[in-house]
Amino acid sequence: MMNRLNPKSKSSKKDPKEPKPPKAKVEKVCSGCNKVRPIWKNKTVEGEKKSYCQTCAKKVDLESSKKKKVEARQKKANSISKLTEVLDKTFSLFIRLRDTDRNGNFTCCTCGEKKEWHQLNAGHFISRRFMGTRWDENNVHGQCSKCNVILSGEQFNYSLFMDATYGEGAAKRMHSKAQEVKKFTAEEIKELITYYQNEVREMVKSKSFQTPKV
């Protein structure tokens, strides 16, 4: 039988929505400032458990965030796509310097006109999308911007140039080479970047006009 003198009142039950009182922070020696303070954060660093006060915990979080951003930038810099972009620019500069004279003048490989440096492109005979010939020095030559861009590379005249420069059937051989599947590793691309950067630095020494920085 329920004890009528001490009935259980519903109103005496604790409201679940009522906020809980904050837990008291344990005071320990902070691993950051080496002072006894309320501990806000525990973190394992290189296998060692460390405790930080509120001020030091914020500093630790900030440093951790900065480190992650640096690592992300380094990872991006070492990605295949980023390395490919760097090599494309370096290789393009190499081709353009190779095919100009001391004063920056060149002869377009497809129209045969003599033009100045600012009109020069590194024109691919076989499109850059074919990795087997993308950075083949015999596949890329100094070409004026009109032939390379406006006239879409002037493929017929380019094929005549290829055969005249490298022998009968050179254009056909380059087409065959382009069909070969080639996947470059990050290390291979880095090696090519270093090689062509060194080549460009040497070429620049023999030019009398203002060249782009390597």
N, C-alpha and C. Protein backbone atom coordinates (compact mmCIF):
# COMPACT_ATOMS: atom_id res chain seq x y z
N MET A 1 0.84 -1.19 0.00
CA MET A 1 0.00 0.00 0.00
C MET A 1 0.88 1.24 0.00
N MET A 2 0.48 2.25 -0.79
CA MET A 2 1.24 3.49 -0.88
C MET A 2 1.13 4.25 0.42
N ASN A 3 2.22 4.74 0.88
CA ASN A 3 2.25 5.55 2.08
C ASN A 3 1.66 6.91 1.76
N ARG A 4 0.43 7.19 2.29
CA ARG A 4 -0.27 8.41 1.97
C ARG A 4 0.38 9.63 2.59
N LEU A 5 1.18 9.38 3.66
CA LEU A 5 1.83 10.51 4.32
C LEU A 5 2.98 11.06 3.47
N ASN A 6 3.56 10.18 2.65
CA ASN A 6 4.69 10.60 1.80
C ASN A 6 4.43 10.21 0.35
N PRO A 7 3.38 10.76 -0.21
CA PRO A 7 3.10 10.40 -1.61
C PRO A 7 4.17 10.96 -2.53
N LYS A 8 4.41 10.19 -3.61
CA LYS A 8 5.40 10.65 -4.58
C LYS A 8 4.74 11.70 -5.48
N SER A 9 5.27 12.86 -5.47
CA SER A 9 4.72 13.95 -6.27
C SER A 9 5.42 14.03 -7.61
N LYS A 10 4.61 14.16 -8.69
CA LYS A 10 5.18 14.29 -10.03
C LYS A 10 5.98 15.56 -10.17
N SER A 11 5.56 16.57 -9.42
CA SER A 11 6.25 17.86 -9.51
C SER A 11 7.65 17.80 -8.94
N SER A 12 7.93 16.75 -8.12
CA SER A 12 9.26 16.63 -7.51
C SER A 12 10.26 16.01 -8.47
N LYS A 13 9.79 15.49 -9.61
CA LYS A 13 10.72 14.88 -10.57
C LYS A 13 11.55 15.95 -11.26
N LYS A 14 12.79 15.60 -11.56
CA LYS A 14 13.72 16.55 -12.19
C LYS A 14 13.36 16.73 -13.66
N ASP A 15 13.30 17.97 -14.08
CA ASP A 15 12.99 18.28 -15.48
C ASP A 15 14.17 17.88 -16.35
N PRO A 16 13.96 16.95 -17.31
CA PRO A 16 15.08 16.48 -18.17
C PRO A 16 15.65 17.60 -19.03
N LYS A 17 14.86 18.66 -19.26
CA LYS A 17 15.34 19.76 -20.09
C LYS A 17 16.19 20.75 -19.32
N GLU A 18 16.19 20.60 -18.04
CA GLU A 18 16.97 21.53 -17.21
C GLU A 18 18.46 21.31 -17.45
N PRO A 19 19.22 22.36 -17.76
CA PRO A 19 20.65 22.19 -18.04
C PRO A 19 21.43 21.67 -16.84
N LYS A 20 22.38 20.79 -17.16
CA LYS A 20 23.20 20.23 -16.09
C LYS A 20 24.26 21.25 -15.67
N PRO A 21 24.59 21.28 -14.44
CA PRO A 21 25.64 22.21 -14.00
C PRO A 21 26.98 21.80 -14.61
N PRO A 22 27.79 22.76 -15.03
CA PRO A 22 29.09 22.43 -15.65
C PRO A 22 29.99 21.67 -14.69
N LYS A 23 30.69 20.68 -15.26
CA LYS A 23 31.60 19.91 -14.43
C LYS A 23 32.83 20.75 -14.08
N ALA A 24 33.24 20.59 -12.87
CA ALA A 24 34.42 21.34 -12.44
C ALA A 24 35.64 20.80 -13.17
N LYS A 25 36.47 21.70 -13.69
CA LYS A 25 37.67 21.30 -14.39
C LYS A 25 38.73 20.82 -13.40
N VAL A 26 39.37 19.71 -13.73
CA VAL A 26 40.42 19.17 -12.88
C VAL A 26 41.66 20.04 -13.02
N GLU A 27 42.25 20.39 -11.93
CA GLU A 27 43.46 21.21 -11.98
C GLU A 27 44.70 20.32 -11.99
N LYS A 28 45.53 20.54 -12.99
CA LYS A 28 46.78 19.79 -13.15
C LYS A 28 47.83 20.74 -13.72
N VAL A 29 49.04 20.23 -13.82
CA VAL A 29 50.10 21.02 -14.44
C VAL A 29 49.89 20.99 -15.95
N CYS A 30 49.73 22.16 -16.53
CA CYS A 30 49.52 22.26 -17.98
C CYS A 30 50.81 21.90 -18.72
N SER A 31 50.69 21.08 -19.77
CA SER A 31 51.86 20.67 -20.55
C SER A 31 52.40 21.81 -21.41
N GLY A 32 51.60 22.87 -21.56
CA GLY A 32 52.03 23.99 -22.38
C GLY A 32 52.78 25.06 -21.60
N CYS A 33 52.17 25.53 -20.53
CA CYS A 33 52.77 26.62 -19.75
C CYS A 33 53.42 26.15 -18.44
N ASN A 34 53.25 24.85 -18.14
CA ASN A 34 53.84 24.26 -16.92
C ASN A 34 53.33 24.91 -15.64
N LYS A 35 52.07 25.37 -15.68
CA LYS A 35 51.45 25.96 -14.49
C LYS A 35 50.24 25.12 -14.10
N VAL A 36 49.92 25.14 -12.80
CA VAL A 36 48.77 24.39 -12.32
C VAL A 36 47.52 25.18 -12.67
N ARG A 37 46.72 24.64 -13.57
CA ARG A 37 45.52 25.32 -14.04
C ARG A 37 44.42 24.31 -14.35
N PRO A 38 43.17 24.78 -14.43
CA PRO A 38 42.08 23.87 -14.84
C PRO A 38 42.37 23.33 -16.24
N ILE A 39 42.24 22.03 -16.42
CA ILE A 39 42.56 21.38 -17.69
C ILE A 39 41.34 21.35 -18.61
N TRP A 40 41.54 21.84 -19.83
CA TRP A 40 40.47 21.91 -20.82
C TRP A 40 40.61 20.88 -21.92
N LYS A 41 41.82 20.40 -22.14
CA LYS A 41 42.02 19.49 -23.27
C LYS A 41 43.12 18.50 -22.97
N ASN A 42 42.85 17.24 -23.29
CA ASN A 42 43.86 16.18 -23.21
C ASN A 42 44.17 15.72 -24.62
N LYS A 43 45.43 15.59 -24.92
CA LYS A 43 45.83 15.21 -26.27
C LYS A 43 47.04 14.32 -26.24
N THR A 44 47.06 13.31 -27.11
CA THR A 44 48.20 12.41 -27.21
C THR A 44 49.13 12.92 -28.31
N VAL A 45 50.35 13.26 -27.93
CA VAL A 45 51.33 13.78 -28.87
C VAL A 45 52.52 12.83 -28.90
N GLU A 46 52.75 12.20 -30.08
CA GLU A 46 53.85 11.25 -30.26
C GLU A 46 53.82 10.17 -29.18
N GLY A 47 52.63 9.66 -28.92
CA GLY A 47 52.46 8.57 -27.97
C GLY A 47 52.43 9.00 -26.51
N GLU A 48 52.59 10.29 -26.24
CA GLU A 48 52.60 10.79 -24.87
C GLU A 48 51.34 11.62 -24.61
N LYS A 49 50.63 11.30 -23.53
CA LYS A 49 49.40 12.00 -23.20
C LYS A 49 49.74 13.32 -22.52
N LYS A 50 49.16 14.42 -23.05
CA LYS A 50 49.42 15.74 -22.49
C LYS A 50 48.11 16.44 -22.18
N SER A 51 48.19 17.34 -21.20
CA SER A 51 47.02 18.08 -20.76
C SER A 51 47.28 19.58 -20.90
N TYR A 52 46.24 20.32 -21.32
CA TYR A 52 46.42 21.75 -21.58
C TYR A 52 45.32 22.58 -20.92
N CYS A 53 45.72 23.76 -20.46
CA CYS A 53 44.75 24.71 -19.94
C CYS A 53 44.02 25.35 -21.12
N GLN A 54 43.04 26.19 -20.85
CA GLN A 54 42.23 26.76 -21.92
C GLN A 54 43.07 27.57 -22.92
N THR A 55 43.97 28.40 -22.40
CA THR A 55 44.80 29.24 -23.27
C THR A 55 45.72 28.40 -24.13
N CYS A 56 46.39 27.44 -23.52
CA CYS A 56 47.33 26.59 -24.27
C CYS A 56 46.60 25.66 -25.23
N ALA A 57 45.39 25.24 -24.85
CA ALA A 57 44.60 24.36 -25.71
C ALA A 57 44.27 25.07 -27.03
N LYS A 58 43.96 26.37 -26.94
CA LYS A 58 43.67 27.15 -28.14
C LYS A 58 44.91 27.26 -29.03
N LYS A 59 46.07 27.46 -28.38
CA LYS A 59 47.32 27.55 -29.14
C LYS A 59 47.63 26.24 -29.85
N VAL A 60 47.41 25.14 -29.13
CA VAL A 60 47.67 23.80 -29.69
C VAL A 60 46.75 23.55 -30.89
N ASP A 61 45.47 23.92 -30.76
CA ASP A 61 44.52 23.73 -31.87
C ASP A 61 44.91 24.57 -33.07
N LEU A 62 45.37 25.80 -32.81
CA LEU A 62 45.78 26.70 -33.90
C LEU A 62 47.00 26.14 -34.63
N GLU A 63 47.99 25.67 -33.88
CA GLU A 63 49.19 25.09 -34.48
C GLU A 63 48.85 23.84 -35.28
N SER A 64 47.94 23.04 -34.74
CA SER A 64 47.51 21.82 -35.43
C SER A 64 46.82 22.16 -36.75
N SER A 65 46.00 23.21 -36.73
CA SER A 65 45.30 23.64 -37.94
C SER A 65 46.30 24.13 -38.99
N LYS A 66 47.29 24.91 -38.55
CA LYS A 66 48.31 25.42 -39.47
C LYS A 66 49.11 24.27 -40.09
N LYS A 67 49.44 23.28 -39.27
CA LYS A 67 50.21 22.13 -39.75
C LYS A 67 49.43 21.35 -40.80
N LYS A 68 48.14 21.18 -40.58
CA LYS A 68 47.30 20.46 -41.54
C LYS A 68 47.22 21.20 -42.87
N LYS A 69 47.15 22.54 -42.81
CA LYS A 69 47.09 23.34 -44.03
C LYS A 69 48.38 23.23 -44.82
N VAL A 70 49.53 23.25 -44.10
CA VAL A 70 50.83 23.11 -44.76
C VAL A 70 50.95 21.75 -45.42
N GLU A 71 50.52 20.70 -44.71
CA GLU A 71 50.57 19.34 -45.24
C GLU A 71 49.68 19.21 -46.48
N ALA A 72 48.51 19.88 -46.42
CA ALA A 72 47.59 19.83 -47.56
C ALA A 72 48.20 20.52 -48.78
N ARG A 73 48.89 21.66 -48.54
CA ARG A 73 49.55 22.37 -49.65
C ARG A 73 50.68 21.54 -50.24
N GLN A 74 51.44 20.86 -49.36
CA GLN A 74 52.54 20.02 -49.84
C GLN A 74 52.01 18.83 -50.63
N LYS A 75 50.91 18.27 -50.15
CA LYS A 75 50.30 17.14 -50.84
C LYS A 75 49.81 17.56 -52.22
N LYS A 76 49.20 18.77 -52.28
CA LYS A 76 48.71 19.29 -53.56
C LYS A 76 49.87 19.55 -54.51
N ALA A 77 50.97 20.11 -53.95
CA ALA A 77 52.14 20.43 -54.77
C ALA A 77 52.77 19.17 -55.36
N ASN A 78 52.64 18.05 -54.64
CA ASN A 78 53.23 16.79 -55.10
C ASN A 78 52.24 15.92 -55.87
N SER A 79 51.04 16.45 -56.11
CA SER A 79 50.05 15.67 -56.84
C SER A 79 50.43 15.62 -58.32
N ILE A 80 49.98 14.58 -59.00
CA ILE A 80 50.28 14.39 -60.42
C ILE A 80 49.79 15.59 -61.24
N SER A 81 48.58 16.06 -60.95
CA SER A 81 48.01 17.16 -61.73
C SER A 81 48.82 18.44 -61.58
N LYS A 82 49.25 18.74 -60.36
CA LYS A 82 50.04 19.95 -60.13
C LYS A 82 51.41 19.83 -60.77
N LEU A 83 52.04 18.68 -60.63
CA LEU A 83 53.35 18.47 -61.23
C LEU A 83 53.27 18.55 -62.76
N THR A 84 52.20 18.01 -63.31
CA THR A 84 51.99 18.07 -64.76
C THR A 84 51.89 19.51 -65.23
N GLU A 85 51.19 20.32 -64.47
CA GLU A 85 51.04 21.74 -64.80
C GLU A 85 52.39 22.45 -64.81
N VAL A 86 53.22 22.15 -63.80
CA VAL A 86 54.55 22.76 -63.72
C VAL A 86 55.43 22.32 -64.88
N LEU A 87 55.40 21.03 -65.19
CA LEU A 87 56.21 20.51 -66.29
C LEU A 87 55.76 21.08 -67.63
N ASP A 88 54.45 21.21 -67.84
CA ASP A 88 53.94 21.79 -69.09
C ASP A 88 54.53 23.19 -69.31
N LYS A 89 54.53 24.02 -68.27
CA LYS A 89 55.03 25.39 -68.39
C LYS A 89 56.54 25.40 -68.65
N THR A 90 57.26 24.54 -67.93
CA THR A 90 58.71 24.48 -68.09
C THR A 90 59.09 23.96 -69.46
N PHE A 91 58.41 22.91 -69.92
CA PHE A 91 58.69 22.32 -71.22
C PHE A 91 58.35 23.30 -72.35
N SER A 92 57.25 24.01 -72.20
CA SER A 92 56.85 25.00 -73.20
C SER A 92 57.92 26.09 -73.34
N LEU A 93 58.44 26.54 -72.22
CA LEU A 93 59.49 27.57 -72.24
C LEU A 93 60.76 27.02 -72.90
N PHE A 94 61.07 25.76 -72.60
CA PHE A 94 62.24 25.11 -73.20
C PHE A 94 62.12 25.09 -74.74
N ILE A 95 60.96 24.68 -75.24
CA ILE A 95 60.73 24.59 -76.69
C ILE A 95 60.85 25.97 -77.34
N ARG A 96 60.25 26.96 -76.72
CA ARG A 96 60.26 28.30 -77.31
C ARG A 96 61.66 28.91 -77.32
N LEU A 97 62.43 28.64 -76.27
CA LEU A 97 63.82 29.14 -76.26
C LEU A 97 64.68 28.37 -77.26
N ARG A 98 64.43 27.09 -77.36
CA ARG A 98 65.19 26.25 -78.29
C ARG A 98 65.02 26.72 -79.74
N ASP A 99 63.80 27.13 -80.07
CA ASP A 99 63.49 27.45 -81.47
C ASP A 99 63.59 28.94 -81.81
N THR A 100 64.19 29.73 -80.93
CA THR A 100 64.40 31.15 -81.23
C THR A 100 65.89 31.43 -81.38
N ASP A 101 66.18 32.51 -82.10
CA ASP A 101 67.59 32.92 -82.20
C ASP A 101 67.95 33.79 -81.00
N ARG A 102 69.12 34.33 -81.00
CA ARG A 102 69.61 35.12 -79.87
C ARG A 102 68.71 36.31 -79.55
N ASN A 103 68.09 36.87 -80.59
CA ASN A 103 67.26 38.06 -80.41
C ASN A 103 65.78 37.76 -80.18
N GLY A 104 65.42 36.49 -80.10
CA GLY A 104 64.03 36.12 -79.84
C GLY A 104 63.17 35.97 -81.08
N ASN A 105 63.78 35.91 -82.25
CA ASN A 105 63.03 35.71 -83.49
C ASN A 105 62.97 34.21 -83.82
N PHE A 106 61.92 33.81 -84.51
CA PHE A 106 61.76 32.39 -84.84
C PHE A 106 61.06 32.24 -86.18
N THR A 107 61.16 31.04 -86.74
CA THR A 107 60.45 30.70 -87.97
C THR A 107 59.37 29.69 -87.63
N CYS A 108 58.12 30.02 -87.91
CA CYS A 108 57.00 29.13 -87.60
C CYS A 108 57.15 27.82 -88.36
N CYS A 109 56.93 26.71 -87.67
CA CYS A 109 57.15 25.39 -88.28
C CYS A 109 56.10 25.04 -89.33
N THR A 110 54.97 25.75 -89.34
CA THR A 110 53.92 25.39 -90.30
C THR A 110 53.71 26.41 -91.42
N CYS A 111 53.81 27.71 -91.12
CA CYS A 111 53.63 28.70 -92.19
C CYS A 111 54.95 29.21 -92.73
N GLY A 112 56.04 28.97 -91.98
CA GLY A 112 57.37 29.35 -92.44
C GLY A 112 57.70 30.83 -92.31
N GLU A 113 56.80 31.61 -91.72
CA GLU A 113 57.05 33.04 -91.57
C GLU A 113 57.96 33.31 -90.38
N LYS A 114 58.81 34.33 -90.52
CA LYS A 114 59.69 34.74 -89.42
C LYS A 114 58.93 35.73 -88.54
N LYS A 115 58.90 35.43 -87.25
CA LYS A 115 58.13 36.27 -86.33
C LYS A 115 58.91 36.49 -85.02
N GLU A 116 58.33 37.35 -84.15
CA GLU A 116 59.00 37.71 -82.91
C GLU A 116 58.50 36.86 -81.74
N TRP A 117 59.27 36.91 -80.66
CA TRP A 117 59.04 36.10 -79.46
C TRP A 117 57.60 36.14 -78.96
N HIS A 118 57.00 37.33 -78.91
CA HIS A 118 55.65 37.46 -78.33
C HIS A 118 54.58 36.75 -79.15
N GLN A 119 54.92 36.33 -80.37
CA GLN A 119 53.96 35.60 -81.21
C GLN A 119 54.21 34.09 -81.18
N LEU A 120 55.14 33.67 -80.34
CA LEU A 120 55.58 32.27 -80.34
C LEU A 120 54.81 31.39 -79.37
N ASN A 121 54.36 30.25 -79.86
CA ASN A 121 53.74 29.19 -79.05
C ASN A 121 54.57 27.92 -79.16
N ALA A 122 54.43 27.06 -78.18
CA ALA A 122 55.02 25.72 -78.29
C ALA A 122 53.91 24.84 -78.86
N GLY A 123 53.92 24.65 -80.18
CA GLY A 123 52.84 23.93 -80.85
C GLY A 123 53.07 22.43 -80.91
N HIS A 124 52.09 21.66 -80.44
CA HIS A 124 52.16 20.20 -80.47
C HIS A 124 51.66 19.67 -81.81
N PHE A 125 52.40 18.75 -82.41
CA PHE A 125 51.92 18.07 -83.61
C PHE A 125 50.80 17.11 -83.19
N ILE A 126 51.08 16.24 -82.22
CA ILE A 126 50.07 15.38 -81.62
C ILE A 126 49.58 16.07 -80.34
N SER A 127 48.28 16.11 -80.13
CA SER A 127 47.69 16.80 -78.99
C SER A 127 48.30 16.41 -77.65
N ARG A 128 48.30 17.35 -76.72
CA ARG A 128 48.85 17.11 -75.37
C ARG A 128 48.10 16.03 -74.61
N ARG A 129 46.89 15.71 -75.02
CA ARG A 129 46.13 14.71 -74.26
C ARG A 129 46.73 13.31 -74.39
N PHE A 130 47.60 13.13 -75.37
CA PHE A 130 48.30 11.85 -75.52
C PHE A 130 49.61 11.92 -74.73
N MET A 131 49.63 11.24 -73.60
CA MET A 131 50.76 11.36 -72.67
C MET A 131 52.06 10.80 -73.23
N GLY A 132 51.96 9.84 -74.15
CA GLY A 132 53.17 9.24 -74.71
C GLY A 132 54.02 10.21 -75.50
N THR A 133 53.40 11.27 -76.01
CA THR A 133 54.13 12.25 -76.83
C THR A 133 54.02 13.68 -76.28
N ARG A 134 53.40 13.82 -75.14
CA ARG A 134 53.15 15.16 -74.55
C ARG A 134 54.44 15.96 -74.36
N TRP A 135 55.48 15.28 -73.87
CA TRP A 135 56.75 15.97 -73.62
C TRP A 135 57.86 15.42 -74.51
N ASP A 136 57.49 14.99 -75.71
CA ASP A 136 58.46 14.52 -76.69
C ASP A 136 58.97 15.74 -77.46
N GLU A 137 60.26 15.99 -77.41
CA GLU A 137 60.84 17.19 -78.03
C GLU A 137 60.62 17.21 -79.55
N ASN A 138 60.51 16.03 -80.17
CA ASN A 138 60.29 15.97 -81.62
C ASN A 138 58.82 16.17 -82.00
N ASN A 139 57.96 16.24 -81.00
CA ASN A 139 56.53 16.42 -81.24
C ASN A 139 56.10 17.88 -81.05
N VAL A 140 56.99 18.69 -80.51
CA VAL A 140 56.63 20.08 -80.18
C VAL A 140 57.66 21.03 -80.77
N HIS A 141 57.16 22.09 -81.44
CA HIS A 141 58.06 23.04 -82.10
C HIS A 141 57.51 24.46 -82.01
N GLY A 142 58.39 25.41 -82.29
CA GLY A 142 57.98 26.80 -82.30
C GLY A 142 56.96 27.05 -83.40
N GLN A 143 55.80 27.53 -83.00
CA GLN A 143 54.71 27.75 -83.95
C GLN A 143 54.06 29.10 -83.62
N CYS A 144 53.69 29.85 -84.62
CA CYS A 144 53.08 31.15 -84.35
C CYS A 144 51.68 30.95 -83.78
N SER A 145 51.22 31.94 -83.03
CA SER A 145 49.91 31.83 -82.37
C SER A 145 48.77 31.70 -83.37
N LYS A 146 48.92 32.28 -84.56
CA LYS A 146 47.88 32.18 -85.58
C LYS A 146 47.70 30.73 -86.03
N CYS A 147 48.82 30.06 -86.36
CA CYS A 147 48.74 28.67 -86.82
C CYS A 147 48.30 27.74 -85.69
N ASN A 148 48.82 27.98 -84.49
CA ASN A 148 48.56 27.07 -83.38
C ASN A 148 47.14 27.20 -82.83
N VAL A 149 46.65 28.43 -82.73
CA VAL A 149 45.35 28.66 -82.09
C VAL A 149 44.24 28.87 -83.11
N ILE A 150 44.40 29.89 -83.94
CA ILE A 150 43.34 30.25 -84.89
C ILE A 150 43.14 29.16 -85.95
N LEU A 151 44.25 28.59 -86.45
CA LEU A 151 44.16 27.57 -87.49
C LEU A 151 44.27 26.14 -86.94
N SER A 152 44.07 26.01 -85.64
CA SER A 152 44.00 24.69 -84.97
C SER A 152 45.21 23.80 -85.21
N GLY A 153 46.39 24.41 -85.31
CA GLY A 153 47.61 23.64 -85.40
C GLY A 153 48.11 23.35 -86.81
N GLU A 154 47.28 23.68 -87.81
CA GLU A 154 47.70 23.45 -89.20
C GLU A 154 48.29 22.04 -89.39
N GLN A 155 47.49 21.03 -89.08
CA GLN A 155 47.97 19.65 -89.06
C GLN A 155 48.60 19.15 -90.36
N PHE A 156 48.03 19.52 -91.49
CA PHE A 156 48.60 19.03 -92.76
C PHE A 156 50.01 19.59 -92.96
N ASN A 157 50.15 20.90 -92.80
CA ASN A 157 51.47 21.53 -92.95
C ASN A 157 52.45 21.03 -91.88
N TYR A 158 51.91 20.75 -90.68
CA TYR A 158 52.76 20.25 -89.60
C TYR A 158 53.31 18.87 -89.97
N SER A 159 52.47 18.03 -90.57
CA SER A 159 52.92 16.69 -90.95
C SER A 159 54.01 16.77 -92.03
N LEU A 160 53.89 17.75 -92.93
CA LEU A 160 54.93 17.95 -93.96
C LEU A 160 56.24 18.39 -93.30
N PHE A 161 56.11 19.27 -92.30
CA PHE A 161 57.29 19.73 -91.56
C PHE A 161 57.96 18.56 -90.84
N MET A 162 57.17 17.69 -90.22
CA MET A 162 57.71 16.54 -89.49
C MET A 162 58.52 15.64 -90.42
N ASP A 163 57.97 15.33 -91.58
CA ASP A 163 58.67 14.45 -92.53
C ASP A 163 59.92 15.11 -93.10
N ALA A 164 59.83 16.41 -93.33
CA ALA A 164 60.98 17.14 -93.88
C ALA A 164 62.10 17.26 -92.85
N THR A 165 61.74 17.34 -91.56
CA THR A 165 62.73 17.54 -90.50
C THR A 165 63.32 16.23 -90.01
N TYR A 166 62.49 15.20 -89.83
CA TYR A 166 62.94 13.96 -89.21
C TYR A 166 62.95 12.75 -90.17
N GLY A 167 62.64 12.99 -91.44
CA GLY A 167 62.67 11.90 -92.40
C GLY A 167 61.28 11.42 -92.79
N GLU A 168 61.18 10.84 -93.95
CA GLU A 168 59.91 10.34 -94.46
C GLU A 168 59.26 9.36 -93.47
N GLY A 169 58.00 9.58 -93.19
CA GLY A 169 57.27 8.70 -92.28
C GLY A 169 57.32 9.14 -90.82
N ALA A 170 57.99 10.26 -90.53
CA ALA A 170 58.12 10.74 -89.15
C ALA A 170 56.76 11.07 -88.54
N ALA A 171 55.90 11.71 -89.32
CA ALA A 171 54.57 12.06 -88.83
C ALA A 171 53.78 10.80 -88.45
N LYS A 172 53.86 9.79 -89.31
CA LYS A 172 53.15 8.54 -89.06
C LYS A 172 53.70 7.84 -87.82
N ARG A 173 55.01 7.87 -87.67
CA ARG A 173 55.63 7.23 -86.49
C ARG A 173 55.22 7.93 -85.20
N MET A 174 55.09 9.26 -85.26
CA MET A 174 54.67 10.00 -84.07
C MET A 174 53.23 9.67 -83.72
N HIS A 175 52.39 9.50 -84.73
CA HIS A 175 51.00 9.09 -84.50
C HIS A 175 50.95 7.73 -83.81
N SER A 176 51.80 6.82 -84.24
CA SER A 176 51.84 5.47 -83.65
C SER A 176 52.31 5.53 -82.20
N LYS A 177 53.31 6.37 -81.96
CA LYS A 177 53.84 6.50 -80.60
C LYS A 177 52.79 7.07 -79.65
N ALA A 178 51.97 7.97 -80.17
CA ALA A 178 50.93 8.61 -79.34
C ALA A 178 49.89 7.61 -78.86
N GLN A 179 49.72 6.52 -79.58
CA GLN A 179 48.72 5.51 -79.22
C GLN A 179 49.18 4.61 -78.07
N GLU A 180 50.47 4.66 -77.78
CA GLU A 180 51.00 3.85 -76.68
C GLU A 180 50.55 4.43 -75.34
N VAL A 181 50.07 3.56 -74.47
CA VAL A 181 49.60 4.02 -73.17
C VAL A 181 50.80 4.32 -72.27
N LYS A 182 50.85 5.52 -71.76
CA LYS A 182 51.95 5.93 -70.90
C LYS A 182 51.41 6.65 -69.67
N LYS A 183 51.79 6.15 -68.49
CA LYS A 183 51.41 6.80 -67.24
C LYS A 183 52.68 7.18 -66.49
N PHE A 184 52.86 8.47 -66.29
CA PHE A 184 54.02 8.96 -65.58
C PHE A 184 53.78 8.95 -64.08
N THR A 185 54.80 8.56 -63.32
CA THR A 185 54.71 8.65 -61.86
C THR A 185 55.12 10.06 -61.44
N ALA A 186 54.82 10.40 -60.19
CA ALA A 186 55.19 11.73 -59.67
C ALA A 186 56.70 11.92 -59.72
N GLU A 187 57.45 10.87 -59.42
CA GLU A 187 58.90 10.95 -59.42
C GLU A 187 59.45 11.18 -60.84
N GLU A 188 58.85 10.53 -61.82
CA GLU A 188 59.29 10.71 -63.20
C GLU A 188 59.05 12.15 -63.66
N ILE A 189 57.90 12.70 -63.29
CA ILE A 189 57.59 14.08 -63.68
C ILE A 189 58.54 15.05 -62.98
N LYS A 190 58.84 14.80 -61.72
CA LYS A 190 59.78 15.66 -60.98
C LYS A 190 61.15 15.67 -61.65
N GLU A 191 61.58 14.50 -62.09
CA GLU A 191 62.88 14.40 -62.77
C GLU A 191 62.88 15.21 -64.07
N LEU A 192 61.78 15.14 -64.82
CA LEU A 192 61.68 15.91 -66.06
C LEU A 192 61.66 17.41 -65.78
N ILE A 193 60.97 17.80 -64.72
CA ILE A 193 60.93 19.22 -64.34
C ILE A 193 62.33 19.73 -64.05
N THR A 194 63.07 18.97 -63.26
CA THR A 194 64.44 19.36 -62.92
C THR A 194 65.31 19.45 -64.16
N TYR A 195 65.19 18.45 -65.04
CA TYR A 195 66.00 18.43 -66.26
C TYR A 195 65.73 19.65 -67.13
N TYR A 196 64.46 19.94 -67.40
CA TYR A 196 64.12 21.05 -68.29
C TYR A 196 64.35 22.41 -67.64
N GLN A 197 64.24 22.50 -66.34
CA GLN A 197 64.57 23.75 -65.66
C GLN A 197 66.06 24.07 -65.83
N ASN A 198 66.90 23.05 -65.72
CA ASN A 198 68.34 23.24 -65.93
C ASN A 198 68.65 23.62 -67.38
N GLU A 199 67.96 22.97 -68.32
CA GLU A 199 68.15 23.29 -69.74
C GLU A 199 67.77 24.73 -70.03
N VAL A 200 66.66 25.17 -69.47
CA VAL A 200 66.18 26.54 -69.68
C VAL A 200 67.18 27.55 -69.12
N ARG A 201 67.72 27.27 -67.94
CA ARG A 201 68.69 28.20 -67.34
C ARG A 201 69.92 28.36 -68.23
N GLU A 202 70.36 27.28 -68.84
CA GLU A 202 71.51 27.36 -69.74
C GLU A 202 71.17 28.13 -71.01
N MET A 203 69.98 27.89 -71.56
CA MET A 203 69.56 28.57 -72.78
C MET A 203 69.44 30.08 -72.59
N VAL A 204 68.91 30.47 -71.45
CA VAL A 204 68.70 31.89 -71.16
C VAL A 204 70.01 32.67 -71.25
N LYS A 205 71.10 32.04 -70.88
CA LYS A 205 72.41 32.70 -70.90
C LYS A 205 72.81 33.14 -72.31
N SER A 206 72.31 32.44 -73.32
CA SER A 206 72.71 32.76 -74.70
C SER A 206 71.74 33.70 -75.41
N LYS A 207 70.70 34.16 -74.69
CA LYS A 207 69.71 35.04 -75.31
C LYS A 207 69.94 36.49 -74.87
N SER A 208 69.70 37.40 -75.81
CA SER A 208 69.91 38.81 -75.51
C SER A 208 68.59 39.54 -75.21
N PHE A 209 67.45 38.86 -75.36
CA PHE A 209 66.16 39.49 -75.09
C PHE A 209 65.65 39.08 -73.70
N GLN A 210 64.65 39.80 -73.23
CA GLN A 210 64.09 39.53 -71.91
C GLN A 210 63.29 38.23 -71.94
N THR A 211 63.74 37.25 -71.16
CA THR A 211 63.05 35.96 -71.13
C THR A 211 62.28 35.78 -69.84
N PRO A 212 61.23 34.97 -69.83
CA PRO A 212 60.48 34.70 -68.59
C PRO A 212 61.37 34.04 -67.55
N LYS A 213 61.05 34.23 -66.29
CA LYS A 213 61.81 33.60 -65.21
C LYS A 213 61.48 32.12 -65.15
N VAL A 214 62.49 31.34 -64.79
CA VAL A 214 62.32 29.89 -64.71
C VAL A 214 61.56 29.54 -63.44
